[in-house]
Amino acid sequence: MSNNQRAGIRIPVEFPVEVRWKSRWGGSRHVEGKTGNISGNGLFMCIPIRPPCETPVTVRVFLPVTITRVPIELHCNGRVIRWSCPGESRGMGATIDEYEIRPTRTQAL
C-alpha cells in the first residue's frame, strides 16, 4: 500500500499492545509488543511475530492511566494489511474494522 492509499493521519505513539489471531491450523496465537503509530482506520505495531497478510486479528491497545485517569483499552478487530518495510521497525500494519473503548481486563503489559 503506498502513502497515497493510506487514509487518515498517522499519529506516532508507543502504547503496549497485544495481538491475537488464529493460525492456519486453527490454533490460537498471540504476541505482545507496542504500537508504532495509530490512525482512524489502522495501526502499525512493532511485534516479533507477523501473521500472514489478510489474517483477521484482534488487538488490545493499553492506554496509559496517566492520560485516561482510569485503566482502559482500545479493543480492535481488523486484519493484517502489510509487514514492515526496509528501514521500519519490525512489525505489521493492520486495518481497524471495528473498535470500542472498554475497561482493561488485566494489567498493562
PDB file of N, CA and C in Angstrom:
ATOM      1  N   MET A   1       0.854  -1.163   0.000  1.00  0.00           N
ATOM      2  CA  MET A   1       0.000   0.000   0.000  1.00  0.00           C
ATOM      3  C   MET A   1       0.905   1.232   0.000  1.00  0.00           C
ATOM      4  N   SER A   2       0.683   2.153  -0.909  1.00  0.00           N
ATOM      5  CA  SER A   2       1.500   3.358  -0.966  1.00  0.00           C
ATOM      6  C   SER A   2       0.961   4.403   0.010  1.00  0.00           C
ATOM      7  N   ASN A   3       1.777   5.427   0.266  1.00  0.00           N
ATOM      8  CA  ASN A   3       1.334   6.501   1.158  1.00  0.00           C
ATOM      9  C   ASN A   3       0.078   7.172   0.637  1.00  0.00           C
ATOM     10  N   ASN A   4      -0.096   7.201  -0.688  1.00  0.00           N
ATOM     11  CA  ASN A   4      -1.285   7.825  -1.269  1.00  0.00           C
ATOM     12  C   ASN A   4      -2.551   7.039  -0.986  1.00  0.00           C
ATOM     13  N   GLN A   5      -2.430   5.740  -0.712  1.00  0.00           N
ATOM     14  CA  GLN A   5      -3.600   4.917  -0.453  1.00  0.00           C
ATOM     15  C   GLN A   5      -4.011   4.935   1.016  1.00  0.00           C
ATOM     16  N   ARG A   6      -3.151   5.399   1.892  1.00  0.00           N
ATOM     17  CA  ARG A   6      -3.477   5.429   3.315  1.00  0.00           C
ATOM     18  C   ARG A   6      -4.463   6.551   3.596  1.00  0.00           C
ATOM     19  N   ALA A   7      -5.462   6.237   4.368  1.00  0.00           N
ATOM     20  CA  ALA A   7      -6.444   7.253   4.764  1.00  0.00           C
ATOM     21  C   ALA A   7      -6.199   7.613   6.220  1.00  0.00           C
ATOM     22  N   GLY A   8      -6.341   8.850   6.539  1.00  0.00           N
ATOM     23  CA  GLY A   8      -6.183   9.285   7.920  1.00  0.00           C
ATOM     24  C   GLY A   8      -4.753   9.655   8.251  1.00  0.00           C
ATOM     25  N   ILE A   9      -4.627  10.506   9.223  1.00  0.00           N
ATOM     26  CA  ILE A   9      -3.320  10.952   9.693  1.00  0.00           C
ATOM     27  C   ILE A   9      -2.784   9.929  10.682  1.00  0.00           C
ATOM     28  N   ARG A  10      -1.536   9.500  10.492  1.00  0.00           N
ATOM     29  CA  ARG A  10      -0.911   8.551  11.416  1.00  0.00           C
ATOM     30  C   ARG A  10      -0.260   9.335  12.553  1.00  0.00           C
ATOM     31  N   ILE A  11      -0.592   8.953  13.774  1.00  0.00           N
ATOM     32  CA  ILE A  11      -0.059   9.617  14.958  1.00  0.00           C
ATOM     33  C   ILE A  11       0.975   8.686  15.591  1.00  0.00           C
ATOM     34  N   PRO A  12       2.231   9.115  15.684  1.00  0.00           N
ATOM     35  CA  PRO A  12       3.259   8.249  16.273  1.00  0.00           C
ATOM     36  C   PRO A  12       3.109   8.168  17.790  1.00  0.00           C
ATOM     37  N   VAL A  13       2.684   7.018  18.290  1.00  0.00           N
ATOM     38  CA  VAL A  13       2.520   6.783  19.720  1.00  0.00           C
ATOM     39  C   VAL A  13       3.010   5.376  20.049  1.00  0.00           C
ATOM     40  N   GLU A  14       3.575   5.222  21.244  1.00  0.00           N
ATOM     41  CA  GLU A  14       4.023   3.916  21.713  1.00  0.00           C
ATOM     42  C   GLU A  14       3.209   3.520  22.935  1.00  0.00           C
ATOM     43  N   PHE A  15       2.276   2.584  22.723  1.00  0.00           N
ATOM     44  CA  PHE A  15       1.467   2.039  23.798  1.00  0.00           C
ATOM     45  C   PHE A  15       1.637   0.526  23.784  1.00  0.00           C
ATOM     46  N   PRO A  16       1.569  -0.141  24.940  1.00  0.00           N
ATOM     47  CA  PRO A  16       1.609  -1.602  24.961  1.00  0.00           C
ATOM     48  C   PRO A  16       0.433  -2.162  24.151  1.00  0.00           C
ATOM     49  N   VAL A  17       0.704  -3.259  23.457  1.00  0.00           N
ATOM     50  CA  VAL A  17      -0.320  -3.846  22.597  1.00  0.00           C
ATOM     51  C   VAL A  17      -0.237  -5.374  22.679  1.00  0.00           C
ATOM     52  N   GLU A  18      -1.397  -6.008  22.536  1.00  0.00           N
ATOM     53  CA  GLU A  18      -1.487  -7.461  22.453  1.00  0.00           C
ATOM     54  C   GLU A  18      -2.267  -7.789  21.183  1.00  0.00           C
ATOM     55  N   VAL A  19      -1.739  -8.702  20.373  1.00  0.00           N
ATOM     56  CA  VAL A  19      -2.382  -9.085  19.116  1.00  0.00           C
ATOM     57  C   VAL A  19      -2.711 -10.575  19.176  1.00  0.00           C
ATOM     58  N   ARG A  20      -3.946 -10.921  18.804  1.00  0.00           N
ATOM     59  CA  ARG A  20      -4.389 -12.326  18.789  1.00  0.00           C
ATOM     60  C   ARG A  20      -4.934 -12.676  17.405  1.00  0.00           C
ATOM     61  N   TRP A  21      -4.697 -13.937  16.997  1.00  0.00           N
ATOM     62  CA  TRP A  21      -5.206 -14.424  15.726  1.00  0.00           C
ATOM     63  C   TRP A  21      -5.226 -15.947  15.746  1.00  0.00           C
ATOM     64  N   LYS A  22      -5.855 -16.527  14.760  1.00  0.00           N
ATOM     65  CA  LYS A  22      -5.893 -17.984  14.597  1.00  0.00           C
ATOM     66  C   LYS A  22      -4.845 -18.367  13.552  1.00  0.00           C
ATOM     67  N   SER A  23      -4.078 -19.421  13.848  1.00  0.00           N
ATOM     68  CA  SER A  23      -3.092 -19.917  12.884  1.00  0.00           C
ATOM     69  C   SER A  23      -3.806 -20.636  11.744  1.00  0.00           C
ATOM     70  N   ARG A  24      -3.058 -20.976  10.721  1.00  0.00           N
ATOM     71  CA  ARG A  24      -3.640 -21.713   9.579  1.00  0.00           C
ATOM     72  C   ARG A  24      -4.278 -23.020  10.023  1.00  0.00           C
ATOM     73  N   TRP A  25      -3.778 -23.581  11.117  1.00  0.00           N
ATOM     74  CA  TRP A  25      -4.271 -24.860  11.612  1.00  0.00           C
ATOM     75  C   TRP A  25      -5.347 -24.685  12.671  1.00  0.00           C
ATOM     76  N   GLY A  26      -5.771 -23.447  12.923  1.00  0.00           N
ATOM     77  CA  GLY A  26      -6.867 -23.185  13.849  1.00  0.00           C
ATOM     78  C   GLY A  26      -6.461 -22.938  15.284  1.00  0.00           C
ATOM     79  N   GLY A  27      -5.168 -23.001  15.566  1.00  0.00           N
ATOM     80  CA  GLY A  27      -4.700 -22.750  16.929  1.00  0.00           C
ATOM     81  C   GLY A  27      -4.704 -21.262  17.254  1.00  0.00           C
ATOM     82  N   SER A  28      -4.882 -20.956  18.512  1.00  0.00           N
ATOM     83  CA  SER A  28      -4.893 -19.566  18.955  1.00  0.00           C
ATOM     84  C   SER A  28      -3.457 -19.087  19.134  1.00  0.00           C
ATOM     85  N   ARG A  29      -3.123 -17.927  18.576  1.00  0.00           N
ATOM     86  CA  ARG A  29      -1.784 -17.337  18.685  1.00  0.00           C
ATOM     87  C   ARG A  29      -1.921 -15.946  19.281  1.00  0.00           C
ATOM     88  N   HIS A  30      -0.880 -15.500  19.967  1.00  0.00           N
ATOM     89  CA  HIS A  30      -0.862 -14.115  20.439  1.00  0.00           C
ATOM     90  C   HIS A  30       0.574 -13.662  20.631  1.00  0.00           C
ATOM     91  N   VAL A  31       0.749 -12.367  20.559  1.00  0.00           N
ATOM     92  CA  VAL A  31       2.061 -11.753  20.725  1.00  0.00           C
ATOM     93  C   VAL A  31       1.866 -10.390  21.376  1.00  0.00           C
ATOM     94  N   GLU A  32       2.871  -9.961  22.120  1.00  0.00           N
ATOM     95  CA  GLU A  32       2.840  -8.651  22.759  1.00  0.00           C
ATOM     96  C   GLU A  32       3.891  -7.759  22.121  1.00  0.00           C
ATOM     97  N   GLY A  33       3.621  -6.473  22.104  1.00  0.00           N
ATOM     98  CA  GLY A  33       4.562  -5.518  21.541  1.00  0.00           C
ATOM     99  C   GLY A  33       4.140  -4.109  21.891  1.00  0.00           C
ATOM    100  N   LYS A  34       4.336  -3.205  20.931  1.00  0.00           N
ATOM    101  CA  LYS A  34       3.943  -1.807  21.143  1.00  0.00           C
ATOM    102  C   LYS A  34       3.481  -1.214  19.823  1.00  0.00           C
ATOM    103  N   THR A  35       2.652  -0.197  19.932  1.00  0.00           N
ATOM    104  CA  THR A  35       2.222   0.497  18.724  1.00  0.00           C
ATOM    105  C   THR A  35       3.371   1.362  18.223  1.00  0.00           C
ATOM    106  N   GLY A  36       3.391   1.562  16.921  1.00  0.00           N
ATOM    107  CA  GLY A  36       4.332   2.498  16.306  1.00  0.00           C
ATOM    108  C   GLY A  36       3.603   3.766  15.916  1.00  0.00           C
ATOM    109  N   ASN A  37       2.387   3.571  15.386  1.00  0.00           N
ATOM    110  CA  ASN A  37       1.510   4.699  15.079  1.00  0.00           C
ATOM    111  C   ASN A  37       0.079   4.189  14.972  1.00  0.00           C
ATOM    112  N   ILE A  38      -0.849   5.125  15.130  1.00  0.00           N
ATOM    113  CA  ILE A  38      -2.281   4.809  15.056  1.00  0.00           C
ATOM    114  C   ILE A  38      -2.959   5.888  14.219  1.00  0.00           C
ATOM    115  N   SER A  39      -3.922   5.453  13.393  1.00  0.00           N
ATOM    116  CA  SER A  39      -4.765   6.408  12.663  1.00  0.00           C
ATOM    117  C   SER A  39      -6.207   6.007  12.914  1.00  0.00           C
ATOM    118  N   GLY A  40      -7.129   6.710  12.311  1.00  0.00           N
ATOM    119  CA  GLY A  40      -8.543   6.417  12.493  1.00  0.00           C
ATOM    120  C   GLY A  40      -8.974   5.093  11.908  1.00  0.00           C
ATOM    121  N   ASN A  41      -8.182   4.540  10.978  1.00  0.00           N
ATOM    122  CA  ASN A  41      -8.593   3.293  10.342  1.00  0.00           C
ATOM    123  C   ASN A  41      -7.535   2.199  10.368  1.00  0.00           C
ATOM    124  N   GLY A  42      -6.455   2.401  11.120  1.00  0.00           N
ATOM    125  CA  GLY A  42      -5.437   1.362  11.187  1.00  0.00           C
ATOM    126  C   GLY A  42      -4.342   1.689  12.179  1.00  0.00           C
ATOM    127  N   LEU A  43      -3.422   0.741  12.320  1.00  0.00           N
ATOM    128  CA  LEU A  43      -2.296   0.952  13.199  1.00  0.00           C
ATOM    129  C   LEU A  43      -1.115   0.110  12.752  1.00  0.00           C
ATOM    130  N   PHE A  44       0.089   0.583  13.112  1.00  0.00           N
ATOM    131  CA  PHE A  44       1.313  -0.167  12.880  1.00  0.00           C
ATOM    132  C   PHE A  44       1.801  -0.609  14.244  1.00  0.00           C
ATOM    133  N   MET A  45       2.164  -1.893  14.352  1.00  0.00           N
ATOM    134  CA  MET A  45       2.597  -2.448  15.627  1.00  0.00           C
ATOM    135  C   MET A  45       3.968  -3.080  15.492  1.00  0.00           C
ATOM    136  N   CYS A  46       4.838  -2.782  16.427  1.00  0.00           N
ATOM    137  CA  CYS A  46       6.162  -3.382  16.490  1.00  0.00           C
ATOM    138  C   CYS A  46       6.028  -4.658  17.311  1.00  0.00           C
ATOM    139  N   ILE A  47       6.071  -5.793  16.609  1.00  0.00           N
ATOM    140  CA  ILE A  47       5.888  -7.092  17.256  1.00  0.00           C
ATOM    141  C   ILE A  47       6.902  -8.074  16.671  1.00  0.00           C
ATOM    142  N   PRO A  48       7.293  -9.098  17.445  1.00  0.00           N
ATOM    143  CA  PRO A  48       8.308 -10.037  16.981  1.00  0.00           C
ATOM    144  C   PRO A  48       7.812 -11.088  15.988  1.00  0.00           C
ATOM    145  N   ILE A  49       6.512 -11.333  15.932  1.00  0.00           N
ATOM    146  CA  ILE A  49       5.934 -12.329  15.020  1.00  0.00           C
ATOM    147  C   ILE A  49       4.926 -11.620  14.136  1.00  0.00           C
ATOM    148  N   ARG A  50       4.913 -11.985  12.859  1.00  0.00           N
ATOM    149  CA  ARG A  50       3.975 -11.313  11.957  1.00  0.00           C
ATOM    150  C   ARG A  50       3.041 -12.332  11.308  1.00  0.00           C
ATOM    151  N   PRO A  51       1.757 -12.252  11.594  1.00  0.00           N
ATOM    152  CA  PRO A  51       0.796 -13.135  10.926  1.00  0.00           C
ATOM    153  C   PRO A  51       0.752 -12.814   9.432  1.00  0.00           C
ATOM    154  N   PRO A  52       0.341 -13.767   8.599  1.00  0.00           N
ATOM    155  CA  PRO A  52       0.251 -13.524   7.155  1.00  0.00           C
ATOM    156  C   PRO A  52      -0.724 -12.400   6.812  1.00  0.00           C
ATOM    157  N   CYS A  53      -0.483 -11.733   5.691  1.00  0.00           N
ATOM    158  CA  CYS A  53      -1.399 -10.693   5.218  1.00  0.00           C
ATOM    159  C   CYS A  53      -2.799 -11.271   5.070  1.00  0.00           C
ATOM    160  N   GLU A  54      -3.785 -10.431   5.332  1.00  0.00           N
ATOM    161  CA  GLU A  54      -5.215 -10.747   5.295  1.00  0.00           C
ATOM    162  C   GLU A  54      -5.688 -11.575   6.482  1.00  0.00           C
ATOM    163  N   THR A  55      -4.811 -11.902   7.430  1.00  0.00           N
ATOM    164  CA  THR A  55      -5.221 -12.639   8.625  1.00  0.00           C
ATOM    165  C   THR A  55      -6.077 -11.735   9.513  1.00  0.00           C
ATOM    166  N   PRO A  56      -7.267 -12.178   9.921  1.00  0.00           N
ATOM    167  CA  PRO A  56      -8.055 -11.400  10.886  1.00  0.00           C
ATOM    168  C   PRO A  56      -7.322 -11.364  12.234  1.00  0.00           C
ATOM    169  N   VAL A  57      -7.299 -10.206  12.866  1.00  0.00           N
ATOM    170  CA  VAL A  57      -6.627 -10.043  14.159  1.00  0.00           C
ATOM    171  C   VAL A  57      -7.530  -9.294  15.133  1.00  0.00           C
ATOM    172  N   THR A  58      -7.309  -9.573  16.414  1.00  0.00           N
ATOM    173  CA  THR A  58      -7.918  -8.813  17.500  1.00  0.00           C
ATOM    174  C   THR A  58      -6.770  -8.128  18.220  1.00  0.00           C
ATOM    175  N   VAL A  59      -6.895  -6.830  18.415  1.00  0.00           N
ATOM    176  CA  VAL A  59      -5.818  -6.033  19.001  1.00  0.00           C
ATOM    177  C   VAL A  59      -6.328  -5.330  20.253  1.00  0.00           C
ATOM    178  N   ARG A  60      -5.543  -5.415  21.320  1.00  0.00           N
ATOM    179  CA  ARG A  60      -5.818  -4.653  22.541  1.00  0.00           C
ATOM    180  C   ARG A  60      -4.691  -3.650  22.701  1.00  0.00           C
ATOM    181  N   VAL A  61      -5.032  -2.375  22.707  1.00  0.00           N
ATOM    182  CA  VAL A  61      -4.068  -1.305  22.939  1.00  0.00           C
ATOM    183  C   VAL A  61      -4.340  -0.773  24.337  1.00  0.00           C
ATOM    184  N   PHE A  62      -3.331  -0.845  25.204  1.00  0.00           N
ATOM    185  CA  PHE A  62      -3.486  -0.408  26.592  1.00  0.00           C
ATOM    186  C   PHE A  62      -3.126   1.062  26.690  1.00  0.00           C
ATOM    187  N   LEU A  63      -4.120   1.884  26.994  1.00  0.00           N
ATOM    188  CA  LEU A  63      -3.920   3.329  27.073  1.00  0.00           C
ATOM    189  C   LEU A  63      -3.430   3.709  28.463  1.00  0.00           C
ATOM    190  N   PRO A  64      -2.460   4.627  28.550  1.00  0.00           N
ATOM    191  CA  PRO A  64      -1.857   4.957  29.842  1.00  0.00           C
ATOM    192  C   PRO A  64      -2.810   5.681  30.790  1.00  0.00           C
ATOM    193  N   VAL A  65      -2.830   5.210  32.030  1.00  0.00           N
ATOM    194  CA  VAL A  65      -3.680   5.797  33.064  1.00  0.00           C
ATOM    195  C   VAL A  65      -3.290   7.255  33.307  1.00  0.00           C
ATOM    196  N   THR A  66      -2.037   7.602  33.054  1.00  0.00           N
ATOM    197  CA  THR A  66      -1.607   8.996  33.240  1.00  0.00           C
ATOM    198  C   THR A  66      -2.361   9.942  32.309  1.00  0.00           C
ATOM    199  N   ILE A  67      -2.876   9.407  31.227  1.00  0.00           N
ATOM    200  CA  ILE A  67      -3.659  10.212  30.275  1.00  0.00           C
ATOM    201  C   ILE A  67      -5.155   9.998  30.491  1.00  0.00           C
ATOM    202  N   THR A  68      -5.569   8.737  30.635  1.00  0.00           N
ATOM    203  CA  THR A  68      -7.000   8.408  30.694  1.00  0.00           C
ATOM    204  C   THR A  68      -7.604   8.512  32.091  1.00  0.00           C
ATOM    205  N   ARG A  69      -6.781   8.498  33.132  1.00  0.00           N
ATOM    206  CA  ARG A  69      -7.176   8.553  34.545  1.00  0.00           C
ATOM    207  C   ARG A  69      -7.808   7.273  35.063  1.00  0.00           C
ATOM    208  N   VAL A  70      -8.262   6.397  34.194  1.00  0.00           N
ATOM    209  CA  VAL A  70      -8.781   5.084  34.580  1.00  0.00           C
ATOM    210  C   VAL A  70      -8.182   4.054  33.618  1.00  0.00           C
ATOM    211  N   PRO A  71      -8.033   2.787  34.056  1.00  0.00           N
ATOM    212  CA  PRO A  71      -7.457   1.779  33.167  1.00  0.00           C
ATOM    213  C   PRO A  71      -8.430   1.362  32.060  1.00  0.00           C
ATOM    214  N   ILE A  72      -8.154   1.803  30.836  1.00  0.00           N
ATOM    215  CA  ILE A  72      -8.989   1.439  29.685  1.00  0.00           C
ATOM    216  C   ILE A  72      -8.100   0.961  28.547  1.00  0.00           C
ATOM    217  N   GLU A  73      -8.732   0.286  27.608  1.00  0.00           N
ATOM    218  CA  GLU A  73      -8.030  -0.205  26.433  1.00  0.00           C
ATOM    219  C   GLU A  73      -8.854   0.065  25.190  1.00  0.00           C
ATOM    220  N   LEU A  74      -8.150   0.180  24.088  1.00  0.00           N
ATOM    221  CA  LEU A  74      -8.773   0.253  22.772  1.00  0.00           C
ATOM    222  C   LEU A  74      -8.796  -1.174  22.261  1.00  0.00           C
ATOM    223  N   HIS A  75      -9.977  -1.715  22.035  1.00  0.00           N
ATOM    224  CA  HIS A  75     -10.142  -3.095  21.573  1.00  0.00           C
ATOM    225  C   HIS A  75     -10.563  -3.034  20.108  1.00  0.00           C
ATOM    226  N   CYS A  76      -9.755  -3.628  19.224  1.00  0.00           N
ATOM    227  CA  CYS A  76      -9.996  -3.528  17.774  1.00  0.00           C
ATOM    228  C   CYS A  76     -10.085  -4.895  17.123  1.00  0.00           C
ATOM    229  N   ASN A  77     -10.925  -4.995  16.112  1.00  0.00           N
ATOM    230  CA  ASN A  77     -10.941  -6.133  15.210  1.00  0.00           C
ATOM    231  C   ASN A  77     -10.549  -5.598  13.843  1.00  0.00           C
ATOM    232  N   GLY A  78      -9.680  -6.311  13.175  1.00  0.00           N
ATOM    233  CA  GLY A  78      -9.225  -5.878  11.859  1.00  0.00           C
ATOM    234  C   GLY A  78      -8.516  -7.009  11.149  1.00  0.00           C
ATOM    235  N   ARG A  79      -7.607  -6.642  10.246  1.00  0.00           N
ATOM    236  CA  ARG A  79      -6.844  -7.654   9.508  1.00  0.00           C
ATOM    237  C   ARG A  79      -5.487  -7.084   9.125  1.00  0.00           C
ATOM    238  N   VAL A  80      -4.550  -7.988   8.977  1.00  0.00           N
ATOM    239  CA  VAL A  80      -3.191  -7.612   8.593  1.00  0.00           C
ATOM    240  C   VAL A  80      -3.198  -7.132   7.146  1.00  0.00           C
ATOM    241  N   ILE A  81      -2.592  -5.973   6.891  1.00  0.00           N
ATOM    242  CA  ILE A  81      -2.535  -5.473   5.516  1.00  0.00           C
ATOM    243  C   ILE A  81      -1.110  -5.340   4.978  1.00  0.00           C
ATOM    244  N   ARG A  82      -0.113  -5.276   5.888  1.00  0.00           N
ATOM    245  CA  ARG A  82       1.263  -5.194   5.392  1.00  0.00           C
ATOM    246  C   ARG A  82       2.241  -5.537   6.499  1.00  0.00           C
ATOM    247  N   TRP A  83       3.449  -5.871   6.075  1.00  0.00           N
ATOM    248  CA  TRP A  83       4.552  -6.090   7.002  1.00  0.00           C
ATOM    249  C   TRP A  83       5.485  -4.912   6.905  1.00  0.00           C
ATOM    250  N   SER A  84       6.407  -4.798   7.828  1.00  0.00           N
ATOM    251  CA  SER A  84       7.330  -3.668   7.836  1.00  0.00           C
ATOM    252  C   SER A  84       8.167  -3.642   6.557  1.00  0.00           C
ATOM    253  N   CYS A  85       8.541  -2.435   6.183  1.00  0.00           N
ATOM    254  CA  CYS A  85       9.374  -2.190   5.017  1.00  0.00           C
ATOM    255  C   CYS A  85      10.806  -1.981   5.482  1.00  0.00           C
ATOM    256  N   PRO A  86      11.784  -2.105   4.583  1.00  0.00           N
ATOM    257  CA  PRO A  86      13.163  -1.817   4.975  1.00  0.00           C
ATOM    258  C   PRO A  86      13.258  -0.424   5.595  1.00  0.00           C
ATOM    259  N   GLY A  87      13.967  -0.327   6.708  1.00  0.00           N
ATOM    260  CA  GLY A  87      14.120   0.950   7.398  1.00  0.00           C
ATOM    261  C   GLY A  87      13.090   1.182   8.486  1.00  0.00           C
ATOM    262  N   GLU A  88      12.023   0.383   8.515  1.00  0.00           N
ATOM    263  CA  GLU A  88      10.999   0.488   9.562  1.00  0.00           C
ATOM    264  C   GLU A  88      11.315  -0.513  10.669  1.00  0.00           C
ATOM    265  N   SER A  89      10.734  -0.285  11.840  1.00  0.00           N
ATOM    266  CA  SER A  89      10.825  -1.274  12.917  1.00  0.00           C
ATOM    267  C   SER A  89      10.137  -2.549  12.451  1.00  0.00           C
ATOM    268  N   ARG A  90      10.575  -3.693  12.986  1.00  0.00           N
ATOM    269  CA  ARG A  90       9.967  -4.974  12.614  1.00  0.00           C
ATOM    270  C   ARG A  90       8.536  -4.996  13.128  1.00  0.00           C
ATOM    271  N   GLY A  91       7.586  -5.227  12.263  1.00  0.00           N
ATOM    272  CA  GLY A  91       6.196  -5.247  12.697  1.00  0.00           C
ATOM    273  C   GLY A  91       5.234  -5.390  11.551  1.00  0.00           C
ATOM    274  N   MET A  92       4.002  -4.990  11.800  1.00  0.00           N
ATOM    275  CA  MET A  92       2.955  -5.128  10.784  1.00  0.00           C
ATOM    276  C   MET A  92       1.948  -4.009  10.899  1.00  0.00           C
ATOM    277  N   GLY A  93       1.307  -3.743   9.778  1.00  0.00           N
ATOM    278  CA  GLY A  93       0.210  -2.798   9.717  1.00  0.00           C
ATOM    279  C   GLY A  93      -1.097  -3.556   9.630  1.00  0.00           C
ATOM    280  N   ALA A  94      -2.110  -3.042  10.298  1.00  0.00           N
ATOM    281  CA  ALA A  94      -3.425  -3.683  10.279  1.00  0.00           C
ATOM    282  C   ALA A  94      -4.508  -2.626  10.156  1.00  0.00           C
ATOM    283  N   THR A  95      -5.594  -3.008   9.516  1.00  0.00           N
ATOM    284  CA  THR A  95      -6.762  -2.138   9.451  1.00  0.00           C
ATOM    285  C   THR A  95      -7.505  -2.225  10.781  1.00  0.00           C
ATOM    286  N   ILE A  96      -8.337  -1.241  11.031  1.00  0.00           N
ATOM    287  CA  ILE A  96      -9.280  -1.294  12.144  1.00  0.00           C
ATOM    288  C   ILE A  96     -10.670  -1.306  11.509  1.00  0.00           C
ATOM    289  N   ASP A  97     -11.322  -2.477  11.559  1.00  0.00           N
ATOM    290  CA  ASP A  97     -12.668  -2.604  11.002  1.00  0.00           C
ATOM    291  C   ASP A  97     -13.732  -2.246  12.032  1.00  0.00           C
ATOM    292  N   GLU A  98     -13.485  -2.614  13.293  1.00  0.00           N
ATOM    293  CA  GLU A  98     -14.391  -2.300  14.408  1.00  0.00           C
ATOM    294  C   GLU A  98     -13.528  -1.990  15.616  1.00  0.00           C
ATOM    295  N   TYR A  99     -14.014  -1.098  16.471  1.00  0.00           N
ATOM    296  CA  TYR A  99     -13.280  -0.839  17.706  1.00  0.00           C
ATOM    297  C   TYR A  99     -14.242  -0.400  18.800  1.00  0.00           C
ATOM    298  N   GLU A 100     -13.785  -0.526  20.031  1.00  0.00           N
ATOM    299  CA  GLU A 100     -14.502   0.007  21.174  1.00  0.00           C
ATOM    300  C   GLU A 100     -13.494   0.302  22.278  1.00  0.00           C
ATOM    301  N   ILE A 101     -13.855   1.230  23.131  1.00  0.00           N
ATOM    302  CA  ILE A 101     -13.075   1.544  24.320  1.00  0.00           C
ATOM    303  C   ILE A 101     -13.728   0.784  25.458  1.00  0.00           C
ATOM    304  N   ARG A 102     -12.934   0.053  26.219  1.00  0.00           N
ATOM    305  CA  ARG A 102     -13.511  -0.729  27.316  1.00  0.00           C
ATOM    306  C   ARG A 102     -12.566  -0.745  28.513  1.00  0.00           C
ATOM    307  N   PRO A 103     -13.089  -1.065  29.703  1.00  0.00           N
ATOM    308  CA  PRO A 103     -12.216  -1.180  30.881  1.00  0.00           C
ATOM    309  C   PRO A 103     -11.155  -2.256  30.633  1.00  0.00           C
ATOM    310  N   THR A 104      -9.960  -2.036  31.118  1.00  0.00           N
ATOM    311  CA  THR A 104      -8.888  -3.010  30.961  1.00  0.00           C
ATOM    312  C   THR A 104      -9.153  -4.214  31.831  1.00  0.00           C
ATOM    313  N   ARG A 105      -9.099  -5.414  31.225  1.00  0.00           N
ATOM    314  CA  ARG A 105      -9.345  -6.671  31.941  1.00  0.00           C
ATOM    315  C   ARG A 105      -8.175  -7.023  32.846  1.00  0.00           C
ATOM    316  N   THR A 106      -6.965  -6.776  32.351  1.00  0.00           N
ATOM    317  CA  THR A 106      -5.764  -7.131  33.117  1.00  0.00           C
ATOM    318  C   THR A 106      -4.810  -5.956  33.114  1.00  0.00           C
ATOM    319  N   GLN A 107      -3.793  -6.062  33.917  1.00  0.00           N
ATOM    320  CA  GLN A 107      -2.776  -5.019  33.984  1.00  0.00           C
ATOM    321  C   GLN A 107      -2.085  -4.893  32.638  1.00  0.00           C
ATOM    322  N   ALA A 108      -1.688  -3.675  32.286  1.00  0.00           N
ATOM    323  CA  ALA A 108      -0.974  -3.428  31.029  1.00  0.00           C
ATOM    324  C   ALA A 108       0.288  -4.266  30.987  1.00  0.00           C
ATOM    325  N   LEU A 109       0.707  -4.582  29.758  1.00  0.00           N
ATOM    326  CA  LEU A 109       1.857  -5.459  29.533  1.00  0.00           C
ATOM    327  C   LEU A 109       3.143  -4.887  30.043  1.00  0.00           C
TER     328      LEU A 109
END
